[in-house]
Amino acid sequence: HKIPTFSQAGSAEVKLGILLSLSQAGFRYIGEFHAQAIAKVFNGAKPNQLEQLFEDPPKIAINLKTAELIGFDPPIVLLGAADEIFHDITKPE
Protein backbone atom coordinates (compact mmCIF):
# COMPACT_ATOMS: atom_id res chain seq x y z
CA HIS A 1 0.00 0.00 0.00
CA LYS A 2 3.10 2.22 0.10
CA ILE A 3 2.17 3.80 3.43
CA PRO A 4 5.06 5.41 5.34
CA THR A 5 5.43 4.07 8.87
CA PHE A 6 6.95 5.84 11.86
CA SER A 7 8.05 4.74 15.31
CA GLN A 8 8.98 6.41 18.56
CA ALA A 9 10.37 3.18 19.99
CA GLY A 10 13.77 3.44 18.35
CA SER A 11 15.96 1.96 15.67
CA ALA A 12 15.16 -1.71 16.41
CA GLU A 13 11.82 -1.28 14.63
CA VAL A 14 13.43 0.58 11.73
CA LYS A 15 15.80 -2.33 11.27
CA LEU A 16 12.70 -4.55 10.90
CA GLY A 17 11.18 -2.37 8.16
CA ILE A 18 9.62 0.72 9.74
CA LEU A 19 10.53 3.72 7.55
CA LEU A 20 11.62 6.21 10.18
CA SER A 21 12.07 6.54 13.91
CA LEU A 22 12.47 9.61 16.06
CA SER A 23 13.23 8.59 19.63
CA GLN A 24 15.13 9.73 22.68
CA ALA A 25 18.86 9.16 22.50
CA GLY A 26 19.08 7.27 25.78
CA PHE A 27 20.60 6.95 29.19
CA ARG A 28 24.15 7.79 28.11
CA TYR A 29 23.25 11.45 27.70
CA ILE A 30 21.42 11.54 31.03
CA GLY A 31 24.47 10.04 32.73
CA GLU A 32 26.82 12.54 31.10
CA PHE A 33 24.60 15.44 32.19
CA HIS A 34 24.57 14.33 35.83
CA ALA A 35 28.28 13.44 35.82
CA GLN A 36 29.15 16.93 34.57
CA ALA A 37 26.96 18.51 37.26
CA ILE A 38 28.62 16.44 40.00
CA ALA A 39 32.08 17.30 38.66
CA LYS A 40 31.21 21.01 38.82
CA VAL A 41 30.11 20.65 42.46
CA PHE A 42 33.32 18.78 43.32
CA ASN A 43 35.25 21.65 41.72
CA GLY A 44 33.55 24.28 43.88
CA ALA A 45 30.31 25.22 42.11
CA LYS A 46 27.23 25.72 44.27
CA PRO A 47 24.49 23.19 43.38
CA ASN A 48 21.75 25.85 43.42
CA GLN A 49 23.60 27.81 40.74
CA LEU A 50 23.88 24.94 38.25
CA GLU A 51 21.67 24.58 35.21
CA GLN A 52 19.10 21.88 35.93
CA LEU A 53 17.51 21.65 32.49
CA PHE A 54 18.41 18.49 30.61
CA GLU A 55 17.53 18.24 26.93
CA ASP A 56 17.71 14.71 25.61
CA PRO A 57 18.78 14.95 21.95
CA PRO A 58 16.55 13.05 19.53
CA LYS A 59 17.86 10.03 17.69
CA ILE A 60 16.80 9.56 14.06
CA ALA A 61 16.90 6.23 12.22
CA ILE A 62 15.79 5.54 8.64
CA ASN A 63 15.46 2.40 6.53
CA LEU A 64 16.43 3.08 2.92
CA LYS A 65 15.08 -0.26 1.67
CA THR A 66 11.64 0.63 3.04
CA ALA A 67 11.94 4.09 1.48
CA GLU A 68 12.71 2.48 -1.88
CA LEU A 69 9.77 0.06 -1.59
CA ILE A 70 7.25 2.84 -0.95
CA GLY A 71 8.75 5.25 -3.48
CA PHE A 72 10.07 7.75 -0.95
CA ASP A 73 13.28 9.61 -1.81
CA PRO A 74 14.57 10.96 1.51
CA PRO A 75 16.05 14.45 1.31
CA ILE A 76 19.79 14.72 1.85
CA VAL A 77 19.22 16.84 4.96
CA LEU A 78 17.32 13.94 6.56
CA LEU A 79 20.07 11.49 5.69
CA GLY A 80 22.65 13.88 7.11
CA ALA A 81 20.72 14.20 10.38
CA ALA A 82 20.15 10.45 10.76
CA ASP A 83 22.04 8.69 13.53
CA GLU A 84 21.44 5.28 11.97
CA ILE A 85 20.75 4.33 8.35
CA PHE A 86 19.66 0.80 7.48
CA HIS A 87 19.96 -0.51 3.93
CA ASP A 88 18.02 -3.76 4.36
CA ILE A 89 14.99 -5.10 6.19
CA THR A 90 15.93 -7.66 8.82
CA LYS A 91 13.61 -10.53 9.71
CA PRO A 92 12.68 -10.80 13.41
CA GLU A 93 14.61 -13.40 15.37
PDB file of N, CA and C in Angstrom:
ATOM      1  N   HIS A   1       0.812  -1.199   0.000  1.00  0.00           N
ATOM      2  CA  HIS A   1       0.000   0.000   0.000  1.00  0.00           C
ATOM      3  C   HIS A   1       0.857   1.266   0.000  1.00  0.00           C
ATOM      4  N   LYS A   2       2.160   1.103   0.139  1.00  0.00           N
ATOM      5  CA  LYS A   2       3.102   2.225   0.103  1.00  0.00           C
ATOM      6  C   LYS A   2       2.765   3.308   1.123  1.00  0.00           C
ATOM      7  N   ILE A   3       2.494   2.875   2.342  1.00  0.00           N
ATOM      8  CA  ILE A   3       2.171   3.796   3.431  1.00  0.00           C
ATOM      9  C   ILE A   3       3.418   3.970   4.291  1.00  0.00           C
ATOM     10  N   PRO A   4       3.903   5.203   4.475  1.00  0.00           N
ATOM     11  CA  PRO A   4       5.064   5.406   5.339  1.00  0.00           C
ATOM     12  C   PRO A   4       4.713   5.088   6.791  1.00  0.00           C
ATOM     13  N   THR A   5       5.636   4.441   7.478  1.00  0.00           N
ATOM     14  CA  THR A   5       5.428   4.073   8.873  1.00  0.00           C
ATOM     15  C   THR A   5       6.478   4.742   9.744  1.00  0.00           C
ATOM     16  N   PHE A   6       6.063   5.128  10.940  1.00  0.00           N
ATOM     17  CA  PHE A   6       6.946   5.844  11.855  1.00  0.00           C
ATOM     18  C   PHE A   6       6.889   5.200  13.230  1.00  0.00           C
ATOM     19  N   SER A   7       7.978   5.318  13.975  1.00  0.00           N
ATOM     20  CA  SER A   7       8.048   4.736  15.308  1.00  0.00           C
ATOM     21  C   SER A   7       8.718   5.711  16.262  1.00  0.00           C
ATOM     22  N   GLN A   8       8.299   5.659  17.511  1.00  0.00           N
ATOM     23  CA  GLN A   8       8.980   6.410  18.565  1.00  0.00           C
ATOM     24  C   GLN A   8       9.761   5.467  19.472  1.00  0.00           C
ATOM     25  N   ALA A   9       9.732   4.179  19.144  1.00  0.00           N
ATOM     26  CA  ALA A   9      10.373   3.176  19.993  1.00  0.00           C
ATOM     27  C   ALA A   9      11.869   3.032  19.729  1.00  0.00           C
ATOM     28  N   GLY A  10      12.346   3.504  18.604  1.00  0.00           N
ATOM     29  CA  GLY A  10      13.773   3.438  18.346  1.00  0.00           C
ATOM     30  C   GLY A  10      14.144   2.659  17.099  1.00  0.00           C
ATOM     31  N   SER A  11      15.434   2.505  16.912  1.00  0.00           N
ATOM     32  CA  SER A  11      15.962   1.956  15.667  1.00  0.00           C
ATOM     33  C   SER A  11      15.711   0.464  15.490  1.00  0.00           C
ATOM     34  N   ALA A  12      15.416  -0.266  16.552  1.00  0.00           N
ATOM     35  CA  ALA A  12      15.165  -1.706  16.407  1.00  0.00           C
ATOM     36  C   ALA A  12      13.998  -1.957  15.458  1.00  0.00           C
ATOM     37  N   GLU A  13      12.967  -1.122  15.527  1.00  0.00           N
ATOM     38  CA  GLU A  13      11.820  -1.281  14.634  1.00  0.00           C
ATOM     39  C   GLU A  13      12.157  -0.849  13.207  1.00  0.00           C
ATOM     40  N   VAL A  14      13.009   0.135  13.059  1.00  0.00           N
ATOM     41  CA  VAL A  14      13.426   0.584  11.725  1.00  0.00           C
ATOM     42  C   VAL A  14      14.220  -0.527  11.042  1.00  0.00           C
ATOM     43  N   LYS A  15      15.036  -1.201  11.800  1.00  0.00           N
ATOM     44  CA  LYS A  15      15.804  -2.330  11.269  1.00  0.00           C
ATOM     45  C   LYS A  15      14.875  -3.414  10.716  1.00  0.00           C
ATOM     46  N   LEU A  16      13.676  -3.532  11.322  1.00  0.00           N
ATOM     47  CA  LEU A  16      12.701  -4.549  10.905  1.00  0.00           C
ATOM     48  C   LEU A  16      11.788  -4.080   9.775  1.00  0.00           C
ATOM     49  N   GLY A  17      11.942  -2.824   9.317  1.00  0.00           N
ATOM     50  CA  GLY A  17      11.181  -2.372   8.163  1.00  0.00           C
ATOM     51  C   GLY A  17      10.352  -1.118   8.343  1.00  0.00           C
ATOM     52  N   ILE A  18      10.288  -0.572   9.548  1.00  0.00           N
ATOM     53  CA  ILE A  18       9.623   0.721   9.739  1.00  0.00           C
ATOM     54  C   ILE A  18      10.453   1.765   8.991  1.00  0.00           C
ATOM     55  N   LEU A  19       9.811   2.726   8.352  1.00  0.00           N
ATOM     56  CA  LEU A  19      10.534   3.716   7.550  1.00  0.00           C
ATOM     57  C   LEU A  19      11.443   4.607   8.390  1.00  0.00           C
ATOM     58  N   LEU A  20      10.895   5.171   9.455  1.00  0.00           N
ATOM     59  CA  LEU A  20      11.617   6.214  10.177  1.00  0.00           C
ATOM     60  C   LEU A  20      11.290   6.166  11.656  1.00  0.00           C
ATOM     61  N   SER A  21      12.283   6.462  12.473  1.00  0.00           N
ATOM     62  CA  SER A  21      12.073   6.536  13.912  1.00  0.00           C
ATOM     63  C   SER A  21      12.693   7.816  14.441  1.00  0.00           C
ATOM     64  N   LEU A  22      11.961   8.454  15.318  1.00  0.00           N
ATOM     65  CA  LEU A  22      12.466   9.607  16.055  1.00  0.00           C
ATOM     66  C   LEU A  22      12.249   9.282  17.522  1.00  0.00           C
ATOM     67  N   SER A  23      13.340   9.019  18.235  1.00  0.00           N
ATOM     68  CA  SER A  23      13.231   8.586  19.627  1.00  0.00           C
ATOM     69  C   SER A  23      14.255   9.321  20.480  1.00  0.00           C
ATOM     70  N   GLN A  24      14.170   9.122  21.767  1.00  0.00           N
ATOM     71  CA  GLN A  24      15.132   9.726  22.680  1.00  0.00           C
ATOM     72  C   GLN A  24      16.461   8.983  22.571  1.00  0.00           C
ATOM     73  N   ALA A  25      17.537   9.715  22.716  1.00  0.00           N
ATOM     74  CA  ALA A  25      18.864   9.156  22.501  1.00  0.00           C
ATOM     75  C   ALA A  25      19.275   8.153  23.569  1.00  0.00           C
ATOM     76  N   GLY A  26      18.804   8.309  24.794  1.00  0.00           N
ATOM     77  CA  GLY A  26      19.079   7.273  25.779  1.00  0.00           C
ATOM     78  C   GLY A  26      19.779   7.729  27.035  1.00  0.00           C
ATOM     79  N   PHE A  27      20.070   6.718  27.851  1.00  0.00           N
ATOM     80  CA  PHE A  27      20.598   6.946  29.192  1.00  0.00           C
ATOM     81  C   PHE A  27      22.011   7.508  29.198  1.00  0.00           C
ATOM     82  N   ARG A  28      22.767   7.286  28.151  1.00  0.00           N
ATOM     83  CA  ARG A  28      24.147   7.788  28.111  1.00  0.00           C
ATOM     84  C   ARG A  28      24.177   9.303  28.301  1.00  0.00           C
ATOM     85  N   TYR A  29      23.274   9.996  27.617  1.00  0.00           N
ATOM     86  CA  TYR A  29      23.250  11.452  27.698  1.00  0.00           C
ATOM     87  C   TYR A  29      22.791  11.928  29.074  1.00  0.00           C
ATOM     88  N   ILE A  30      21.862  11.201  29.672  1.00  0.00           N
ATOM     89  CA  ILE A  30      21.417  11.541  31.026  1.00  0.00           C
ATOM     90  C   ILE A  30      22.581  11.383  31.996  1.00  0.00           C
ATOM     91  N   GLY A  31      23.315  10.283  31.866  1.00  0.00           N
ATOM     92  CA  GLY A  31      24.467  10.039  32.728  1.00  0.00           C
ATOM     93  C   GLY A  31      25.539  11.100  32.574  1.00  0.00           C
ATOM     94  N   GLU A  32      25.815  11.502  31.337  1.00  0.00           N
ATOM     95  CA  GLU A  32      26.816  12.545  31.099  1.00  0.00           C
ATOM     96  C   GLU A  32      26.388  13.869  31.724  1.00  0.00           C
ATOM     97  N   PHE A  33      25.106  14.192  31.613  1.00  0.00           N
ATOM     98  CA  PHE A  33      24.599  15.436  32.186  1.00  0.00           C
ATOM     99  C   PHE A  33      24.819  15.461  33.698  1.00  0.00           C
ATOM    100  N   HIS A  34      24.433  14.381  34.373  1.00  0.00           N
ATOM    101  CA  HIS A  34      24.574  14.334  35.831  1.00  0.00           C
ATOM    102  C   HIS A  34      26.041  14.250  36.254  1.00  0.00           C
ATOM    103  N   ALA A  35      26.854  13.532  35.501  1.00  0.00           N
ATOM    104  CA  ALA A  35      28.278  13.438  35.822  1.00  0.00           C
ATOM    105  C   ALA A  35      28.949  14.806  35.722  1.00  0.00           C
ATOM    106  N   GLN A  36      28.585  15.584  34.708  1.00  0.00           N
ATOM    107  CA  GLN A  36      29.153  16.925  34.571  1.00  0.00           C
ATOM    108  C   GLN A  36      28.711  17.826  35.721  1.00  0.00           C
ATOM    109  N   ALA A  37      27.458  17.701  36.140  1.00  0.00           N
ATOM    110  CA  ALA A  37      26.962  18.508  37.263  1.00  0.00           C
ATOM    111  C   ALA A  37      27.703  18.152  38.544  1.00  0.00           C
ATOM    112  N   ILE A  38      27.902  16.873  38.800  1.00  0.00           N
ATOM    113  CA  ILE A  38      28.620  16.436  40.003  1.00  0.00           C
ATOM    114  C   ILE A  38      30.066  16.913  39.959  1.00  0.00           C
ATOM    115  N   ALA A  39      30.696  16.833  38.797  1.00  0.00           N
ATOM    116  CA  ALA A  39      32.081  17.299  38.664  1.00  0.00           C
ATOM    117  C   ALA A  39      32.182  18.788  38.970  1.00  0.00           C
ATOM    118  N   LYS A  40      31.198  19.571  38.532  1.00  0.00           N
ATOM    119  CA  LYS A  40      31.206  21.009  38.822  1.00  0.00           C
ATOM    120  C   LYS A  40      31.091  21.264  40.317  1.00  0.00           C
ATOM    121  N   VAL A  41      30.252  20.499  41.009  1.00  0.00           N
ATOM    122  CA  VAL A  41      30.106  20.651  42.464  1.00  0.00           C
ATOM    123  C   VAL A  41      31.410  20.281  43.153  1.00  0.00           C
ATOM    124  N   PHE A  42      32.037  19.187  42.731  1.00  0.00           N
ATOM    125  CA  PHE A  42      33.318  18.777  43.317  1.00  0.00           C
ATOM    126  C   PHE A  42      34.410  19.816  43.081  1.00  0.00           C
ATOM    127  N   ASN A  43      34.264  20.612  42.026  1.00  0.00           N
ATOM    128  CA  ASN A  43      35.247  21.648  41.719  1.00  0.00           C
ATOM    129  C   ASN A  43      34.854  23.014  42.264  1.00  0.00           C
ATOM    130  N   GLY A  44      33.865  23.046  43.176  1.00  0.00           N
ATOM    131  CA  GLY A  44      33.551  24.281  43.879  1.00  0.00           C
ATOM    132  C   GLY A  44      32.265  24.989  43.505  1.00  0.00           C
ATOM    133  N   ALA A  45      31.567  24.552  42.495  1.00  0.00           N
ATOM    134  CA  ALA A  45      30.314  25.216  42.114  1.00  0.00           C
ATOM    135  C   ALA A  45      29.235  24.941  43.162  1.00  0.00           C
ATOM    136  N   LYS A  46      28.349  25.897  43.341  1.00  0.00           N
ATOM    137  CA  LYS A  46      27.232  25.719  44.265  1.00  0.00           C
ATOM    138  C   LYS A  46      26.086  25.030  43.511  1.00  0.00           C
ATOM    139  N   PRO A  47      25.542  23.945  44.071  1.00  0.00           N
ATOM    140  CA  PRO A  47      24.492  23.192  43.376  1.00  0.00           C
ATOM    141  C   PRO A  47      23.299  24.046  42.952  1.00  0.00           C
ATOM    142  N   ASN A  48      22.921  25.039  43.772  1.00  0.00           N
ATOM    143  CA  ASN A  48      21.749  25.850  43.420  1.00  0.00           C
ATOM    144  C   ASN A  48      22.028  26.830  42.277  1.00  0.00           C
ATOM    145  N   GLN A  49      23.260  26.925  41.841  1.00  0.00           N
ATOM    146  CA  GLN A  49      23.601  27.815  40.741  1.00  0.00           C
ATOM    147  C   GLN A  49      23.831  27.056  39.421  1.00  0.00           C
ATOM    148  N   LEU A  50      23.664  25.745  39.454  1.00  0.00           N
ATOM    149  CA  LEU A  50      23.881  24.937  38.253  1.00  0.00           C
ATOM    150  C   LEU A  50      22.609  24.852  37.417  1.00  0.00           C
ATOM    151  N   GLU A  51      22.790  24.775  36.131  1.00  0.00           N
ATOM    152  CA  GLU A  51      21.671  24.575  35.207  1.00  0.00           C
ATOM    153  C   GLU A  51      21.070  23.199  35.466  1.00  0.00           C
ATOM    154  N   GLN A  52      19.768  23.148  35.639  1.00  0.00           N
ATOM    155  CA  GLN A  52      19.100  21.878  35.929  1.00  0.00           C
ATOM    156  C   GLN A  52      18.242  21.385  34.767  1.00  0.00           C
ATOM    157  N   LEU A  53      18.313  22.036  33.641  1.00  0.00           N
ATOM    158  CA  LEU A  53      17.513  21.649  32.489  1.00  0.00           C
ATOM    159  C   LEU A  53      18.302  20.681  31.612  1.00  0.00           C
ATOM    160  N   PHE A  54      17.778  19.492  31.470  1.00  0.00           N
ATOM    161  CA  PHE A  54      18.408  18.491  30.614  1.00  0.00           C
ATOM    162  C   PHE A  54      17.574  18.327  29.354  1.00  0.00           C
ATOM    163  N   GLU A  55      18.205  18.451  28.209  1.00  0.00           N
ATOM    164  CA  GLU A  55      17.527  18.243  26.933  1.00  0.00           C
ATOM    165  C   GLU A  55      18.107  16.998  26.283  1.00  0.00           C
ATOM    166  N   ASP A  56      17.293  15.975  26.207  1.00  0.00           N
ATOM    167  CA  ASP A  56      17.709  14.712  25.607  1.00  0.00           C
ATOM    168  C   ASP A  56      17.658  14.854  24.087  1.00  0.00           C
ATOM    169  N   PRO A  57      18.800  14.765  23.410  1.00  0.00           N
ATOM    170  CA  PRO A  57      18.778  14.946  21.954  1.00  0.00           C
ATOM    171  C   PRO A  57      18.028  13.808  21.270  1.00  0.00           C
ATOM    172  N   PRO A  58      17.267  14.117  20.233  1.00  0.00           N
ATOM    173  CA  PRO A  58      16.547  13.054  19.528  1.00  0.00           C
ATOM    174  C   PRO A  58      17.500  12.191  18.707  1.00  0.00           C
ATOM    175  N   LYS A  59      17.086  10.962  18.504  1.00  0.00           N
ATOM    176  CA  LYS A  59      17.855  10.030  17.686  1.00  0.00           C
ATOM    177  C   LYS A  59      16.990   9.660  16.484  1.00  0.00           C
ATOM    178  N   ILE A  60      17.541   9.821  15.294  1.00  0.00           N
ATOM    179  CA  ILE A  60      16.804   9.555  14.061  1.00  0.00           C
ATOM    180  C   ILE A  60      17.387   8.315  13.384  1.00  0.00           C
ATOM    181  N   ALA A  61      16.496   7.412  12.989  1.00  0.00           N
ATOM    182  CA  ALA A  61      16.903   6.230  12.222  1.00  0.00           C
ATOM    183  C   ALA A  61      15.999   6.124  10.999  1.00  0.00           C
ATOM    184  N   ILE A  62      16.559   5.690   9.883  1.00  0.00           N
ATOM    185  CA  ILE A  62      15.785   5.543   8.644  1.00  0.00           C
ATOM    186  C   ILE A  62      16.184   4.243   7.950  1.00  0.00           C
ATOM    187  N   ASN A  63      15.211   3.619   7.293  1.00  0.00           N
ATOM    188  CA  ASN A  63      15.465   2.404   6.530  1.00  0.00           C
ATOM    189  C   ASN A  63      15.319   2.729   5.041  1.00  0.00           C
ATOM    190  N   LEU A  64      16.437   2.709   4.334  1.00  0.00           N
ATOM    191  CA  LEU A  64      16.432   3.079   2.917  1.00  0.00           C
ATOM    192  C   LEU A  64      15.750   2.032   2.038  1.00  0.00           C
ATOM    193  N   LYS A  65      15.774   0.772   2.444  1.00  0.00           N
ATOM    194  CA  LYS A  65      15.076  -0.259   1.670  1.00  0.00           C
ATOM    195  C   LYS A  65      13.566  -0.015   1.725  1.00  0.00           C
ATOM    196  N   THR A  66      13.057   0.311   2.911  1.00  0.00           N
ATOM    197  CA  THR A  66      11.636   0.632   3.045  1.00  0.00           C
ATOM    198  C   THR A  66      11.300   1.865   2.216  1.00  0.00           C
ATOM    199  N   ALA A  67      12.163   2.874   2.270  1.00  0.00           N
ATOM    200  CA  ALA A  67      11.940   4.090   1.480  1.00  0.00           C
ATOM    201  C   ALA A  67      11.846   3.750  -0.006  1.00  0.00           C
ATOM    202  N   GLU A  68      12.733   2.894  -0.468  1.00  0.00           N
ATOM    203  CA  GLU A  68      12.713   2.480  -1.876  1.00  0.00           C
ATOM    204  C   GLU A  68      11.409   1.749  -2.216  1.00  0.00           C
ATOM    205  N   LEU A  69      10.978   0.856  -1.336  1.00  0.00           N
ATOM    206  CA  LEU A  69       9.770   0.057  -1.592  1.00  0.00           C
ATOM    207  C   LEU A  69       8.500   0.898  -1.670  1.00  0.00           C
ATOM    208  N   ILE A  70       8.463   2.001  -0.925  1.00  0.00           N
ATOM    209  CA  ILE A  70       7.252   2.838  -0.949  1.00  0.00           C
ATOM    210  C   ILE A  70       7.396   4.042  -1.876  1.00  0.00           C
ATOM    211  N   GLY A  71       8.552   4.155  -2.541  1.00  0.00           N
ATOM    212  CA  GLY A  71       8.751   5.252  -3.483  1.00  0.00           C
ATOM    213  C   GLY A  71       9.077   6.584  -2.831  1.00  0.00           C
ATOM    214  N   PHE A  72       9.699   6.529  -1.662  1.00  0.00           N
ATOM    215  CA  PHE A  72      10.069   7.754  -0.948  1.00  0.00           C
ATOM    216  C   PHE A  72      11.553   8.017  -1.147  1.00  0.00           C
ATOM    217  N   ASP A  73      11.886   9.208  -1.625  1.00  0.00           N
ATOM    218  CA  ASP A  73      13.275   9.614  -1.812  1.00  0.00           C
ATOM    219  C   ASP A  73      13.627  10.580  -0.686  1.00  0.00           C
ATOM    220  N   PRO A  74      14.297  10.090   0.366  1.00  0.00           N
ATOM    221  CA  PRO A  74      14.571  10.959   1.510  1.00  0.00           C
ATOM    222  C   PRO A  74      15.502  12.111   1.137  1.00  0.00           C
ATOM    223  N   PRO A  75      15.178  13.314   1.598  1.00  0.00           N
ATOM    224  CA  PRO A  75      16.052  14.455   1.313  1.00  0.00           C
ATOM    225  C   PRO A  75      17.422  14.280   1.972  1.00  0.00           C
ATOM    226  N   ILE A  76      18.412  14.847   1.361  1.00  0.00           N
ATOM    227  CA  ILE A  76      19.788  14.722   1.853  1.00  0.00           C
ATOM    228  C   ILE A  76      19.924  15.263   3.274  1.00  0.00           C
ATOM    229  N   VAL A  77      19.146  16.278   3.612  1.00  0.00           N
ATOM    230  CA  VAL A  77      19.223  16.840   4.962  1.00  0.00           C
ATOM    231  C   VAL A  77      18.755  15.816   6.001  1.00  0.00           C
ATOM    232  N   LEU A  78      17.772  14.993   5.653  1.00  0.00           N
ATOM    233  CA  LEU A  78      17.317  13.935   6.560  1.00  0.00           C
ATOM    234  C   LEU A  78      18.390  12.869   6.721  1.00  0.00           C
ATOM    235  N   LEU A  79      19.004  12.487   5.625  1.00  0.00           N
ATOM    236  CA  LEU A  79      20.072  11.488   5.693  1.00  0.00           C
ATOM    237  C   LEU A  79      21.264  12.006   6.495  1.00  0.00           C
ATOM    238  N   GLY A  80      21.550  13.289   6.353  1.00  0.00           N
ATOM    239  CA  GLY A  80      22.650  13.882   7.111  1.00  0.00           C
ATOM    240  C   GLY A  80      22.368  13.957   8.599  1.00  0.00           C
ATOM    241  N   ALA A  81      21.105  14.101   8.962  1.00  0.00           N
ATOM    242  CA  ALA A  81      20.725  14.198  10.376  1.00  0.00           C
ATOM    243  C   ALA A  81      20.544  12.836  11.030  1.00  0.00           C
ATOM    244  N   ALA A  82      20.419  11.785  10.225  1.00  0.00           N
ATOM    245  CA  ALA A  82      20.148  10.448  10.765  1.00  0.00           C
ATOM    246  C   ALA A  82      21.335   9.914  11.561  1.00  0.00           C
ATOM    247  N   ASP A  83      21.022   9.336  12.708  1.00  0.00           N
ATOM    248  CA  ASP A  83      22.043   8.690  13.532  1.00  0.00           C
ATOM    249  C   ASP A  83      22.326   7.269  13.043  1.00  0.00           C
ATOM    250  N   GLU A  84      21.289   6.630  12.492  1.00  0.00           N
ATOM    251  CA  GLU A  84      21.438   5.277  11.967  1.00  0.00           C
ATOM    252  C   GLU A  84      20.702   5.180  10.633  1.00  0.00           C
ATOM    253  N   ILE A  85      21.354   4.560   9.664  1.00  0.00           N
ATOM    254  CA  ILE A  85      20.749   4.332   8.351  1.00  0.00           C
ATOM    255  C   ILE A  85      20.852   2.837   8.053  1.00  0.00           C
ATOM    256  N   PHE A  86      19.697   2.219   7.813  1.00  0.00           N
ATOM    257  CA  PHE A  86      19.656   0.796   7.477  1.00  0.00           C
ATOM    258  C   PHE A  86      19.401   0.656   5.982  1.00  0.00           C
ATOM    259  N   HIS A  87      20.075  -0.307   5.371  1.00  0.00           N
ATOM    260  CA  HIS A  87      19.963  -0.513   3.928  1.00  0.00           C
ATOM    261  C   HIS A  87      19.132  -1.740   3.578  1.00  0.00           C
ATOM    262  N   ASP A  88      18.792  -2.533   4.571  1.00  0.00           N
ATOM    263  CA  ASP A  88      18.022  -3.755   4.362  1.00  0.00           C
ATOM    264  C   ASP A  88      16.951  -3.881   5.438  1.00  0.00           C
ATOM    265  N   ILE A  89      16.001  -4.763   5.192  1.00  0.00           N
ATOM    266  CA  ILE A  89      14.986  -5.097   6.186  1.00  0.00           C
ATOM    267  C   ILE A  89      15.383  -6.437   6.797  1.00  0.00           C
ATOM    268  N   THR A  90      15.532  -6.456   8.101  1.00  0.00           N
ATOM    269  CA  THR A  90      15.926  -7.662   8.815  1.00  0.00           C
ATOM    270  C   THR A  90      14.693  -8.408   9.297  1.00  0.00           C
ATOM    271  N   LYS A  91      14.722  -9.712   9.196  1.00  0.00           N
ATOM    272  CA  LYS A  91      13.615 -10.525   9.706  1.00  0.00           C
ATOM    273  C   LYS A  91      13.747 -10.652  11.224  1.00  0.00           C
ATOM    274  N   PRO A  92      12.610 -10.646  11.943  1.00  0.00           N
ATOM    275  CA  PRO A  92      12.681 -10.799  13.406  1.00  0.00           C
ATOM    276  C   PRO A  92      13.281 -12.148  13.792  1.00  0.00           C
ATOM    277  N   GLU A  93      13.982 -12.148  14.898  1.00  0.00           N
ATOM    278  CA  GLU A  93      14.614 -13.397  15.371  1.00  0.00           C
ATOM    279  C   GLU A  93      13.670 -14.185  16.230  1.00  0.00           C
TER     280      GLU A  93
END
